[in-house]
Amino acid sequence: MKKKIILFITIIMCSLLICGCGNSKLKNGEEVIFKVNSESVTADTLYKELRNKYGVSVLIDMIDKEVLGTIYKDDEDIEKQANTQIETLKSQYSDDWEGTLKDAGYEDEKDLKESLVLNLQRSKAIEDYVKDNIKDDEINLYYKDNIVGDISAKHILIKVDAESEDGLTDDEAKEKANEIIKKLNKGEDFDKLAKENSDDTGSKESGGDLGYFNKGDMVEEFEDAAFNLKVNEYTKEPVKTTYGYHIILKTGEKDKPKLKEVKETIIQNIMQDKLDNDPTLQITALDELRKNYKLKISDSKLKSEYDKYIKESIEQAKKSN
């Protein structure tokens, strides 16, 4: 498909630029591309034929290259990402890199890089558009409901491993965790019990100490239980995660950071939530951006096809969600 699109661009550019350079013309001035049995096919006929088949794809790429190339001109981060992606691909297909490019429809590495850069520019444009449309009320609400200070905790992990000869079944692991909680209830030392019983080799020797963390750093079940504890309080029931059963002791809690300190992180999180929950933004954001740059499609056929493409893409995105 990409090869056909490249062919389309090449032929159209040639047909528009070489006018007057020796090509024959009809009486009405139309340029003749070729003749078969005295029947002439003009550049205008070729343009309409290729426009109907590949026009929208080429049109959108050309528009976005113009718009995004202006916005993100000399963007070092995009340049670096594109180069990294190319190096990764080259390492995977080093045996026949040139052949791989041809098979994928690219003329050469430069052609591939242009495609990667355009896609990276589109991704960044979508993210920037969503960020720019986030309201202060959304930021304040997210701060109120989701931002908390770091907490520190210790844990004792009892793994579930029914496959191993010495491993514990789910019921056995839960029962062992409950026995440890009973010992804590009687006043036994958490650090000592962790060193003797925890299956987390990374923390057991330090009494199960995990240090400070915040939301998103731990698996959800563990995180919810830890943040709901008071300082120096431990879970009275084992907390089950994919790792096994945990007994969690909350050891510290820092003050909630000021809004100005976490505002950029909040905006990033809200943006990602919006993109995850509304796939139509991938289409509408770029459509709005093109309009903001005063896009005007003069060709009525292409204008109709573009509008149809946007509408159908939005409907498809809604179904996929």
C-alpha atoms as a PDB file:
ATOM      1  CA  MET A   1       0.000   0.000   0.000  1.00  0.00           C
ATOM      2  CA  LYS A   2       2.792   2.411   0.889  1.00  0.00           C
ATOM      3  CA  LYS A   3       4.528   1.696  -2.411  1.00  0.00           C
ATOM      4  CA  LYS A   4       1.346   2.600  -4.261  1.00  0.00           C
ATOM      5  CA  ILE A   5       1.021   5.807  -2.284  1.00  0.00           C
ATOM      6  CA  ILE A   6       4.620   6.738  -3.065  1.00  0.00           C
ATOM      7  CA  LEU A   7       3.936   5.990  -6.714  1.00  0.00           C
ATOM      8  CA  PHE A   8       0.852   8.186  -6.539  1.00  0.00           C
ATOM      9  CA  ILE A   9       2.798  11.134  -5.162  1.00  0.00           C
ATOM     10  CA  THR A  10       5.585  10.704  -7.695  1.00  0.00           C
ATOM     11  CA  ILE A  11       3.291  10.538 -10.691  1.00  0.00           C
ATOM     12  CA  ILE A  12       1.132  13.437  -9.607  1.00  0.00           C
ATOM     13  CA  MET A  13       4.140  15.621  -8.868  1.00  0.00           C
ATOM     14  CA  CYS A  14       5.615  14.789 -12.247  1.00  0.00           C
ATOM     15  CA  SER A  15       2.375  15.415 -14.059  1.00  0.00           C
ATOM     16  CA  LEU A  16       1.990  18.810 -12.409  1.00  0.00           C
ATOM     17  CA  LEU A  17       5.589  19.992 -12.630  1.00  0.00           C
ATOM     18  CA  ILE A  18       6.762  18.960 -16.084  1.00  0.00           C
ATOM     19  CA  CYS A  19       4.031  20.759 -17.942  1.00  0.00           C
ATOM     20  CA  GLY A  20       5.543  22.595 -20.884  1.00  0.00           C
ATOM     21  CA  CYS A  21       8.668  20.406 -20.945  1.00  0.00           C
ATOM     22  CA  GLY A  22       7.999  18.584 -24.202  1.00  0.00           C
ATOM     23  CA  ASN A  23       4.892  16.530 -23.296  1.00  0.00           C
ATOM     24  CA  SER A  24       2.133  16.611 -25.919  1.00  0.00           C
ATOM     25  CA  LYS A  25      -1.145  18.370 -25.148  1.00  0.00           C
ATOM     26  CA  LEU A  26      -4.716  18.227 -26.331  1.00  0.00           C
ATOM     27  CA  LYS A  27      -6.345  21.221 -27.983  1.00  0.00           C
ATOM     28  CA  ASN A  28      -7.900  22.243 -24.667  1.00  0.00           C
ATOM     29  CA  GLY A  29      -4.437  22.430 -23.117  1.00  0.00           C
ATOM     30  CA  GLU A  30      -4.609  19.211 -21.040  1.00  0.00           C
ATOM     31  CA  GLU A  31      -1.308  17.364 -20.799  1.00  0.00           C
ATOM     32  CA  VAL A  32      -1.191  13.876 -22.304  1.00  0.00           C
ATOM     33  CA  ILE A  33       0.416  11.180 -20.130  1.00  0.00           C
ATOM     34  CA  PHE A  34       0.168   8.316 -22.631  1.00  0.00           C
ATOM     35  CA  LYS A  35      -1.752   7.085 -25.674  1.00  0.00           C
ATOM     36  CA  VAL A  36      -3.191   3.666 -26.536  1.00  0.00           C
ATOM     37  CA  ASN A  37      -4.646   3.133 -30.015  1.00  0.00           C
ATOM     38  CA  SER A  38      -4.850   6.890 -30.496  1.00  0.00           C
ATOM     39  CA  GLU A  39      -6.772   7.300 -27.215  1.00  0.00           C
ATOM     40  CA  SER A  40      -5.127   9.877 -24.976  1.00  0.00           C
ATOM     41  CA  VAL A  41      -5.002   9.697 -21.179  1.00  0.00           C
ATOM     42  CA  THR A  42      -4.355  13.089 -19.621  1.00  0.00           C
ATOM     43  CA  ALA A  43      -2.736  14.149 -16.364  1.00  0.00           C
ATOM     44  CA  ASP A  44      -6.153  15.287 -15.149  1.00  0.00           C
ATOM     45  CA  THR A  45      -7.638  11.837 -15.804  1.00  0.00           C
ATOM     46  CA  LEU A  46      -4.744  10.151 -14.027  1.00  0.00           C
ATOM     47  CA  TYR A  47      -5.031  12.536 -11.085  1.00  0.00           C
ATOM     48  CA  LYS A  48      -8.748  11.807 -10.660  1.00  0.00           C
ATOM     49  CA  GLU A  49      -8.217   8.050 -10.898  1.00  0.00           C
ATOM     50  CA  LEU A  50      -5.444   7.968  -8.320  1.00  0.00           C
ATOM     51  CA  ARG A  51      -7.208  10.519  -6.143  1.00  0.00           C
ATOM     52  CA  ASN A  52     -10.246   8.277  -5.883  1.00  0.00           C
ATOM     53  CA  LYS A  53      -8.159   5.263  -4.867  1.00  0.00           C
ATOM     54  CA  TYR A  54      -5.429   6.681  -2.637  1.00  0.00           C
ATOM     55  CA  GLY A  55      -6.202  10.364  -2.317  1.00  0.00           C
ATOM     56  CA  VAL A  56      -7.269  10.603   1.327  1.00  0.00           C
ATOM     57  CA  SER A  57      -4.253   8.696   2.670  1.00  0.00           C
ATOM     58  CA  VAL A  58      -1.824  10.823   0.704  1.00  0.00           C
ATOM     59  CA  LEU A  59      -3.743  14.008   1.469  1.00  0.00           C
ATOM     60  CA  ILE A  60      -3.656  13.467   5.243  1.00  0.00           C
ATOM     61  CA  ASP A  61       0.054  12.635   5.218  1.00  0.00           C
ATOM     62  CA  MET A  62       0.837  15.754   3.181  1.00  0.00           C
ATOM     63  CA  ILE A  63      -1.301  17.973   5.432  1.00  0.00           C
ATOM     64  CA  ASP A  64       0.212  16.584   8.619  1.00  0.00           C
ATOM     65  CA  LYS A  65       3.759  16.866   7.308  1.00  0.00           C
ATOM     66  CA  GLU A  66       3.096  20.527   6.627  1.00  0.00           C
ATOM     67  CA  VAL A  67       1.328  21.302   9.916  1.00  0.00           C
ATOM     68  CA  LEU A  68       3.336  19.118  12.301  1.00  0.00           C
ATOM     69  CA  GLY A  69       6.601  19.836  10.547  1.00  0.00           C
ATOM     70  CA  THR A  70       5.984  23.484  11.438  1.00  0.00           C
ATOM     71  CA  ILE A  71       4.993  22.859  15.053  1.00  0.00           C
ATOM     72  CA  TYR A  72       7.702  20.334  15.870  1.00  0.00           C
ATOM     73  CA  LYS A  73      10.462  21.545  13.583  1.00  0.00           C
ATOM     74  CA  ASP A  74      13.868  20.457  14.873  1.00  0.00           C
ATOM     75  CA  ASP A  75      12.304  18.691  17.873  1.00  0.00           C
ATOM     76  CA  GLU A  76      15.312  16.892  19.354  1.00  0.00           C
ATOM     77  CA  ASP A  77      13.227  14.434  21.386  1.00  0.00           C
ATOM     78  CA  ILE A  78      11.303  13.243  18.322  1.00  0.00           C
ATOM     79  CA  GLU A  79      14.533  13.001  16.332  1.00  0.00           C
ATOM     80  CA  LYS A  80      16.121  10.923  19.084  1.00  0.00           C
ATOM     81  CA  GLN A  81      13.111   8.596  19.361  1.00  0.00           C
ATOM     82  CA  ALA A  82      13.032   8.015  15.611  1.00  0.00           C
ATOM     83  CA  ASN A  83      16.749   7.208  15.533  1.00  0.00           C
ATOM     84  CA  THR A  84      16.363   4.827  18.475  1.00  0.00           C
ATOM     85  CA  GLN A  85      13.500   3.012  16.757  1.00  0.00           C
ATOM     86  CA  ILE A  86      15.549   2.653  13.584  1.00  0.00           C
ATOM     87  CA  GLU A  87      18.542   1.283  15.475  1.00  0.00           C
ATOM     88  CA  THR A  88      16.291  -1.216  17.248  1.00  0.00           C
ATOM     89  CA  LEU A  89      14.828  -2.378  13.943  1.00  0.00           C
ATOM     90  CA  LYS A  90      18.253  -2.599  12.332  1.00  0.00           C
ATOM     91  CA  SER A  91      19.498  -4.796  15.166  1.00  0.00           C
ATOM     92  CA  GLN A  92      16.551  -7.154  14.589  1.00  0.00           C
ATOM     93  CA  TYR A  93      16.859  -7.281  10.798  1.00  0.00           C
ATOM     94  CA  SER A  94      20.606  -6.737  10.369  1.00  0.00           C
ATOM     95  CA  ASP A  95      20.981  -9.712   8.005  1.00  0.00           C
ATOM     96  CA  ASP A  96      19.073  -7.968   5.226  1.00  0.00           C
ATOM     97  CA  TRP A  97      18.221  -4.440   6.302  1.00  0.00           C
ATOM     98  CA  GLU A  98      17.825  -3.052   2.789  1.00  0.00           C
ATOM     99  CA  GLY A  99      15.615  -5.963   1.765  1.00  0.00           C
ATOM    100  CA  THR A 100      13.507  -5.562   4.889  1.00  0.00           C
ATOM    101  CA  LEU A 101      12.936  -1.896   4.058  1.00  0.00           C
ATOM    102  CA  LYS A 102      11.881  -2.744   0.505  1.00  0.00           C
ATOM    103  CA  ASP A 103       9.539  -5.509   1.687  1.00  0.00           C
ATOM    104  CA  ALA A 104       7.909  -3.083   4.115  1.00  0.00           C
ATOM    105  CA  GLY A 105       7.300  -0.603   1.313  1.00  0.00           C
ATOM    106  CA  TYR A 106      10.046   1.930   2.094  1.00  0.00           C
ATOM    107  CA  GLU A 107      12.409   3.265  -0.544  1.00  0.00           C
ATOM    108  CA  ASP A 108      15.294   3.571   1.902  1.00  0.00           C
ATOM    109  CA  GLU A 109      16.141   4.326   5.539  1.00  0.00           C
ATOM    110  CA  LYS A 110      15.400   8.023   5.032  1.00  0.00           C
ATOM    111  CA  ASP A 111      11.906   7.137   3.859  1.00  0.00           C
ATOM    112  CA  LEU A 112      11.379   5.002   6.961  1.00  0.00           C
ATOM    113  CA  LYS A 113      12.612   7.780   9.230  1.00  0.00           C
ATOM    114  CA  GLU A 114      10.211  10.285   7.675  1.00  0.00           C
ATOM    115  CA  SER A 115       7.350   7.893   8.405  1.00  0.00           C
ATOM    116  CA  LEU A 116       8.487   7.327  12.008  1.00  0.00           C
ATOM    117  CA  VAL A 117       8.938  11.053  12.597  1.00  0.00           C
ATOM    118  CA  LEU A 118       5.461  11.792  11.271  1.00  0.00           C
ATOM    119  CA  ASN A 119       3.896   9.188  13.562  1.00  0.00           C
ATOM    120  CA  LEU A 120       5.832  10.520  16.556  1.00  0.00           C
ATOM    121  CA  GLN A 121       4.751  14.052  15.699  1.00  0.00           C
ATOM    122  CA  ARG A 122       1.141  12.915  15.531  1.00  0.00           C
ATOM    123  CA  SER A 123       1.370  11.237  18.927  1.00  0.00           C
ATOM    124  CA  LYS A 124       2.890  14.319  20.490  1.00  0.00           C
ATOM    125  CA  ALA A 125       0.324  16.595  18.847  1.00  0.00           C
ATOM    126  CA  ILE A 126      -2.540  14.493  20.228  1.00  0.00           C
ATOM    127  CA  GLU A 127      -1.064  14.573  23.736  1.00  0.00           C
ATOM    128  CA  ASP A 128      -0.411  18.317  23.577  1.00  0.00           C
ATOM    129  CA  TYR A 129      -3.949  18.965  22.348  1.00  0.00           C
ATOM    130  CA  VAL A 130      -5.484  16.992  25.227  1.00  0.00           C
ATOM    131  CA  LYS A 131      -3.207  18.695  27.774  1.00  0.00           C
ATOM    132  CA  ASP A 132      -4.085  22.144  26.453  1.00  0.00           C
ATOM    133  CA  ASN A 133      -7.792  21.409  26.953  1.00  0.00           C
ATOM    134  CA  ILE A 134      -7.555  20.207  30.565  1.00  0.00           C
ATOM    135  CA  LYS A 135      -9.433  22.606  32.848  1.00  0.00           C
ATOM    136  CA  ASP A 136      -8.233  23.883  36.230  1.00  0.00           C
ATOM    137  CA  ASP A 137     -11.270  22.260  37.884  1.00  0.00           C
ATOM    138  CA  GLU A 138     -10.107  18.866  36.616  1.00  0.00           C
ATOM    139  CA  ILE A 139      -6.615  19.448  37.965  1.00  0.00           C
ATOM    140  CA  ASN A 140      -7.910  20.552  41.365  1.00  0.00           C
ATOM    141  CA  LEU A 141     -10.277  17.580  41.642  1.00  0.00           C
ATOM    142  CA  TYR A 142      -7.522  15.120  40.712  1.00  0.00           C
ATOM    143  CA  TYR A 143      -5.245  16.707  43.298  1.00  0.00           C
ATOM    144  CA  LYS A 144      -7.932  16.407  45.973  1.00  0.00           C
ATOM    145  CA  ASP A 145      -8.872  12.795  45.234  1.00  0.00           C
ATOM    146  CA  ASN A 146      -5.637  11.185  44.069  1.00  0.00           C
ATOM    147  CA  ILE A 147      -2.566  12.966  45.368  1.00  0.00           C
ATOM    148  CA  VAL A 148      -1.194  11.776  48.699  1.00  0.00           C
ATOM    149  CA  GLY A 149       2.119  11.893  50.476  1.00  0.00           C
ATOM    150  CA  ASP A 150       4.588   9.015  50.215  1.00  0.00           C
ATOM    151  CA  ILE A 151       4.243   6.249  52.774  1.00  0.00           C
ATOM    152  CA  SER A 152       6.716   3.665  54.001  1.00  0.00           C
ATOM    153  CA  ALA A 153       5.872   0.091  54.920  1.00  0.00           C
ATOM    154  CA  LYS A 154       7.220  -3.323  55.788  1.00  0.00           C
ATOM    155  CA  HIS A 155       5.701  -6.620  54.734  1.00  0.00           C
ATOM    156  CA  ILE A 156       5.914 -10.349  55.197  1.00  0.00           C
ATOM    157  CA  LEU A 157       5.201 -12.327  52.042  1.00  0.00           C
ATOM    158  CA  ILE A 158       3.987 -15.909  52.025  1.00  0.00           C
ATOM    159  CA  LYS A 159       4.121 -17.240  48.473  1.00  0.00           C
ATOM    160  CA  VAL A 160       1.611 -19.594  46.894  1.00  0.00           C
ATOM    161  CA  ASP A 161       3.480 -22.294  44.992  1.00  0.00           C
ATOM    162  CA  ALA A 162       1.519 -25.533  44.686  1.00  0.00           C
ATOM    163  CA  GLU A 163       3.790 -26.731  41.858  1.00  0.00           C
ATOM    164  CA  SER A 164       6.938 -27.085  43.979  1.00  0.00           C
ATOM    165  CA  GLU A 165       7.489 -30.003  46.312  1.00  0.00           C
ATOM    166  CA  ASP A 166       8.011 -27.721  49.311  1.00  0.00           C
ATOM    167  CA  GLY A 167       5.620 -25.005  48.095  1.00  0.00           C
ATOM    168  CA  LEU A 168       2.360 -24.032  49.739  1.00  0.00           C
ATOM    169  CA  THR A 169      -1.123 -24.237  48.302  1.00  0.00           C
ATOM    170  CA  ASP A 170      -3.328 -21.168  48.457  1.00  0.00           C
ATOM    171  CA  ASP A 171      -5.073 -22.394  51.603  1.00  0.00           C
ATOM    172  CA  GLU A 172      -1.785 -23.324  53.266  1.00  0.00           C
ATOM    173  CA  ALA A 173      -0.213 -19.950  52.473  1.00  0.00           C
ATOM    174  CA  LYS A 174      -3.230 -18.074  53.803  1.00  0.00           C
ATOM    175  CA  GLU A 175      -3.237 -20.183  56.966  1.00  0.00           C
ATOM    176  CA  LYS A 176       0.466 -19.492  57.554  1.00  0.00           C
ATOM    177  CA  ALA A 177      -0.118 -15.751  57.080  1.00  0.00           C
ATOM    178  CA  ASN A 178      -2.946 -15.858  59.614  1.00  0.00           C
ATOM    179  CA  GLU A 179      -0.682 -17.640  62.103  1.00  0.00           C
ATOM    180  CA  ILE A 180       1.883 -14.852  61.749  1.00  0.00           C
ATOM    181  CA  ILE A 181      -0.826 -12.229  62.365  1.00  0.00           C
ATOM    182  CA  LYS A 182      -1.782 -14.069  65.551  1.00  0.00           C
ATOM    183  CA  LYS A 183       1.840 -13.825  66.703  1.00  0.00           C
ATOM    184  CA  LEU A 184       1.837 -10.090  65.973  1.00  0.00           C
ATOM    185  CA  ASN A 185      -1.352  -9.753  67.977  1.00  0.00           C
ATOM    186  CA  LYS A 186       0.493 -11.311  70.904  1.00  0.00           C
ATOM    187  CA  GLY A 187       3.232  -8.678  70.619  1.00  0.00           C
ATOM    188  CA  GLU A 188       5.937 -10.537  68.702  1.00  0.00           C
ATOM    189  CA  ASP A 189       8.417  -8.416  66.740  1.00  0.00           C
ATOM    190  CA  PHE A 190       7.504  -7.731  63.081  1.00  0.00           C
ATOM    191  CA  ASP A 191      11.146  -7.580  61.904  1.00  0.00           C
ATOM    192  CA  LYS A 192      11.957 -10.900  63.529  1.00  0.00           C
ATOM    193  CA  LEU A 193       8.908 -12.598  62.004  1.00  0.00           C
ATOM    194  CA  ALA A 194       9.775 -11.182  58.583  1.00  0.00           C
ATOM    195  CA  LYS A 195      13.327 -12.523  58.728  1.00  0.00           C
ATOM    196  CA  GLU A 196      12.050 -15.951  59.773  1.00  0.00           C
ATOM    197  CA  ASN A 197       9.063 -16.293  57.433  1.00  0.00           C
ATOM    198  CA  SER A 198       9.007 -13.859  54.485  1.00  0.00           C
ATOM    199  CA  ASP A 199       9.486 -15.234  50.976  1.00  0.00           C
ATOM    200  CA  ASP A 200      10.526 -11.792  49.689  1.00  0.00           C
ATOM    201  CA  THR A 201      14.288 -12.294  49.539  1.00  0.00           C
ATOM    202  CA  GLY A 202      14.825  -8.648  48.659  1.00  0.00           C
ATOM    203  CA  SER A 203      13.408  -7.284  51.909  1.00  0.00           C
ATOM    204  CA  LYS A 204      13.318 -10.050  54.513  1.00  0.00           C
ATOM    205  CA  GLU A 205      16.799  -9.396  55.917  1.00  0.00           C
ATOM    206  CA  SER A 206      15.821  -5.768  56.599  1.00  0.00           C
ATOM    207  CA  GLY A 207      12.686  -6.865  58.438  1.00  0.00           C
ATOM    208  CA  GLY A 208      10.505  -6.596  55.340  1.00  0.00           C
ATOM    209  CA  ASP A 209      11.290  -2.891  54.832  1.00  0.00           C
ATOM    210  CA  LEU A 210      10.117  -1.574  51.437  1.00  0.00           C
ATOM    211  CA  GLY A 211      11.048   2.065  51.991  1.00  0.00           C
ATOM    212  CA  TYR A 212       8.842   4.925  50.773  1.00  0.00           C
ATOM    213  CA  PHE A 213       6.470   4.624  47.828  1.00  0.00           C
ATOM    214  CA  ASN A 214       3.374   6.252  46.387  1.00  0.00           C
ATOM    215  CA  LYS A 215       0.304   5.268  44.429  1.00  0.00           C
ATOM    216  CA  GLY A 216       1.136   3.381  41.283  1.00  0.00           C
ATOM    217  CA  ASP A 217       4.381   1.938  42.633  1.00  0.00           C
ATOM    218  CA  MET A 218       2.872  -1.281  44.015  1.00  0.00           C
ATOM    219  CA  VAL A 219       0.236  -3.736  42.839  1.00  0.00           C
ATOM    220  CA  GLU A 220      -3.254  -2.394  43.479  1.00  0.00           C
ATOM    221  CA  GLU A 221      -4.334  -4.749  46.275  1.00  0.00           C
ATOM    222  CA  PHE A 222      -1.142  -4.151  48.258  1.00  0.00           C
ATOM    223  CA  GLU A 223      -1.289  -0.412  47.675  1.00  0.00           C
ATOM    224  CA  ASP A 224      -4.918  -0.047  48.746  1.00  0.00           C
ATOM    225  CA  ALA A 225      -4.313  -1.943  51.968  1.00  0.00           C
ATOM    226  CA  ALA A 226      -1.129  -0.036  52.827  1.00  0.00           C
ATOM    227  CA  PHE A 227      -2.566   3.441  52.257  1.00  0.00           C
ATOM    228  CA  ASN A 228      -5.644   2.628  54.338  1.00  0.00           C
ATOM    229  CA  LEU A 229      -3.549   1.774  57.399  1.00  0.00           C
ATOM    230  CA  LYS A 230      -2.561   4.209  60.112  1.00  0.00           C
ATOM    231  CA  VAL A 231       1.136   4.618  60.908  1.00  0.00           C
ATOM    232  CA  ASN A 232       2.385   1.661  63.028  1.00  0.00           C
ATOM    233  CA  GLU A 233      -0.763  -0.341  62.199  1.00  0.00           C
ATOM    234  CA  TYR A 234      -0.596  -3.704  60.414  1.00  0.00           C
ATOM    235  CA  THR A 235      -3.195  -5.581  58.384  1.00  0.00           C
ATOM    236  CA  LYS A 236      -5.395  -7.825  60.515  1.00  0.00           C
ATOM    237  CA  GLU A 237      -6.202 -10.036  57.535  1.00  0.00           C
ATOM    238  CA  PRO A 238      -3.729 -11.355  54.921  1.00  0.00           C
ATOM    239  CA  VAL A 239      -3.681  -9.275  51.727  1.00  0.00           C
ATOM    240  CA  LYS A 240      -3.702 -11.413  48.602  1.00  0.00           C
ATOM    241  CA  THR A 241      -1.894 -10.347  45.424  1.00  0.00           C
ATOM    242  CA  THR A 242      -0.410 -12.208  42.469  1.00  0.00           C
ATOM    243  CA  TYR A 243       2.710 -12.699  44.599  1.00  0.00           C
ATOM    244  CA  GLY A 244       0.927 -14.480  47.436  1.00  0.00           C
ATOM    245  CA  TYR A 245      -0.312 -13.348  50.865  1.00  0.00           C
ATOM    246  CA  HIS A 246       1.095 -10.264  52.598  1.00  0.00           C
ATOM    247  CA  ILE A 247       1.055  -8.942  56.126  1.00  0.00           C
ATOM    248  CA  ILE A 248       1.678  -5.187  55.829  1.00  0.00           C
ATOM    249  CA  LEU A 249       2.916  -2.783  58.499  1.00  0.00           C
ATOM    250  CA  LYS A 250       2.695   0.938  57.702  1.00  0.00           C
ATOM    251  CA  THR A 251       5.753   2.646  59.188  1.00  0.00           C
ATOM    252  CA  GLY A 252       5.595   6.249  57.962  1.00  0.00           C
ATOM    253  CA  GLU A 253       3.667   8.869  56.022  1.00  0.00           C
ATOM    254  CA  LYS A 254       4.847  12.133  54.463  1.00  0.00           C
ATOM    255  CA  ASP A 255       2.802  15.297  53.972  1.00  0.00           C
ATOM    256  CA  LYS A 256       0.825  15.711  50.781  1.00  0.00           C
ATOM    257  CA  PRO A 257       2.893  17.690  48.231  1.00  0.00           C
ATOM    258  CA  LYS A 258       1.740  21.171  47.199  1.00  0.00           C
ATOM    259  CA  LEU A 259      -0.262  21.439  43.985  1.00  0.00           C
ATOM    260  CA  LYS A 260       2.433  23.412  42.160  1.00  0.00           C
ATOM    261  CA  GLU A 261       4.925  20.640  42.857  1.00  0.00           C
ATOM    262  CA  VAL A 262       2.839  17.932  41.211  1.00  0.00           C
ATOM    263  CA  LYS A 263       0.786  19.891  38.672  1.00  0.00           C
ATOM    264  CA  GLU A 264       2.706  18.640  35.633  1.00  0.00           C
ATOM    265  CA  THR A 265       2.371  15.053  36.826  1.00  0.00           C
ATOM    266  CA  ILE A 266      -1.366  15.555  37.352  1.00  0.00           C
ATOM    267  CA  ILE A 267      -1.786  16.973  33.846  1.00  0.00           C
ATOM    268  CA  GLN A 268       0.144  14.020  32.416  1.00  0.00           C
ATOM    269  CA  ASN A 269      -2.038  11.534  34.329  1.00  0.00           C
ATOM    270  CA  ILE A 270      -5.305  13.229  33.343  1.00  0.00           C
ATOM    271  CA  MET A 271      -4.165  13.319  29.721  1.00  0.00           C
ATOM    272  CA  GLN A 272      -3.366   9.604  29.756  1.00  0.00           C
ATOM    273  CA  ASP A 273      -6.695   8.784  31.429  1.00  0.00           C
ATOM    274  CA  LYS A 274      -8.564  10.727  28.753  1.00  0.00           C
ATOM    275  CA  LEU A 275      -6.735   8.977  25.922  1.00  0.00           C
ATOM    276  CA  ASP A 276      -7.271   5.560  27.527  1.00  0.00           C
ATOM    277  CA  ASN A 277     -10.989   6.152  28.006  1.00  0.00           C
ATOM    278  CA  ASP A 278     -11.791   8.030  24.796  1.00  0.00           C
ATOM    279  CA  PRO A 279     -10.124   6.597  21.665  1.00  0.00           C
ATOM    280  CA  THR A 280     -11.913   9.179  19.483  1.00  0.00           C
ATOM    281  CA  LEU A 281      -9.432  11.777  20.735  1.00  0.00           C
ATOM    282  CA  GLN A 282      -6.810  10.209  18.475  1.00  0.00           C
ATOM    283  CA  ILE A 283      -8.890  11.400  15.510  1.00  0.00           C
ATOM    284  CA  THR A 284     -10.575  14.569  16.735  1.00  0.00           C
ATOM    285  CA  ALA A 285      -7.396  16.092  18.163  1.00  0.00           C
ATOM    286  CA  LEU A 286      -5.589  15.988  14.811  1.00  0.00           C
ATOM    287  CA  ASP A 287      -8.707  17.096  12.943  1.00  0.00           C
ATOM    288  CA  GLU A 288      -9.051  20.145  15.208  1.00  0.00           C
ATOM    289  CA  LEU A 289      -5.356  20.910  14.887  1.00  0.00           C
ATOM    290  CA  ARG A 290      -5.599  20.915  11.091  1.00  0.00           C
ATOM    291  CA  LYS A 291      -8.594  23.242  11.273  1.00  0.00           C
ATOM    292  CA  ASN A 292      -6.698  25.556  13.633  1.00  0.00           C
ATOM    293  CA  TYR A 293      -4.086  25.865  10.921  1.00  0.00           C
ATOM    294  CA  LYS A 294      -6.801  27.036   8.533  1.00  0.00           C
ATOM    295  CA  LEU A 295      -6.961  23.826   6.499  1.00  0.00           C
ATOM    296  CA  LYS A 296      -8.993  24.315   3.347  1.00  0.00           C
ATOM    297  CA  ILE A 297      -9.345  21.418   0.913  1.00  0.00           C
ATOM    298  CA  SER A 298     -10.195  22.952  -2.452  1.00  0.00           C
ATOM    299  CA  ASP A 299     -10.826  19.687  -4.271  1.00  0.00           C
ATOM    300  CA  SER A 300     -14.506  18.941  -3.532  1.00  0.00           C
ATOM    301  CA  LYS A 301     -14.057  15.196  -4.026  1.00  0.00           C
ATOM    302  CA  LEU A 302     -11.135  15.019  -1.597  1.00  0.00           C
ATOM    303  CA  LYS A 303     -12.961  17.294   0.856  1.00  0.00           C
ATOM    304  CA  SER A 304     -15.913  14.912   0.856  1.00  0.00           C
ATOM    305  CA  GLU A 305     -13.658  11.870   1.249  1.00  0.00           C
ATOM    306  CA  TYR A 306     -11.739  13.530   4.085  1.00  0.00           C
ATOM    307  CA  ASP A 307     -14.942  14.346   5.998  1.00  0.00           C
ATOM    308  CA  LYS A 308     -16.151  10.796   5.438  1.00  0.00           C
ATOM    309  CA  TYR A 309     -12.842   9.386   6.684  1.00  0.00           C
ATOM    310  CA  ILE A 310     -12.991  11.450   9.893  1.00  0.00           C
ATOM    311  CA  LYS A 311     -16.602  10.467  10.574  1.00  0.00           C
ATOM    312  CA  GLU A 312     -16.017   6.751   9.951  1.00  0.00           C
ATOM    313  CA  SER A 313     -12.808   6.757  12.011  1.00  0.00           C
ATOM    314  CA  ILE A 314     -14.640   8.277  14.974  1.00  0.00           C
ATOM    315  CA  GLU A 315     -17.437   5.725  14.726  1.00  0.00           C
ATOM    316  CA  GLN A 316     -14.913   2.884  14.521  1.00  0.00           C
ATOM    317  CA  ALA A 317     -13.066   4.229  17.562  1.00  0.00           C
ATOM    318  CA  LYS A 318     -16.298   4.349  19.539  1.00  0.00           C
ATOM    319  CA  LYS A 319     -17.032   0.710  18.677  1.00  0.00           C
ATOM    320  CA  SER A 320     -13.537  -0.375  19.678  1.00  0.00           C
ATOM    321  CA  ASN A 321     -14.057   1.156  23.104  1.00  0.00           C
END
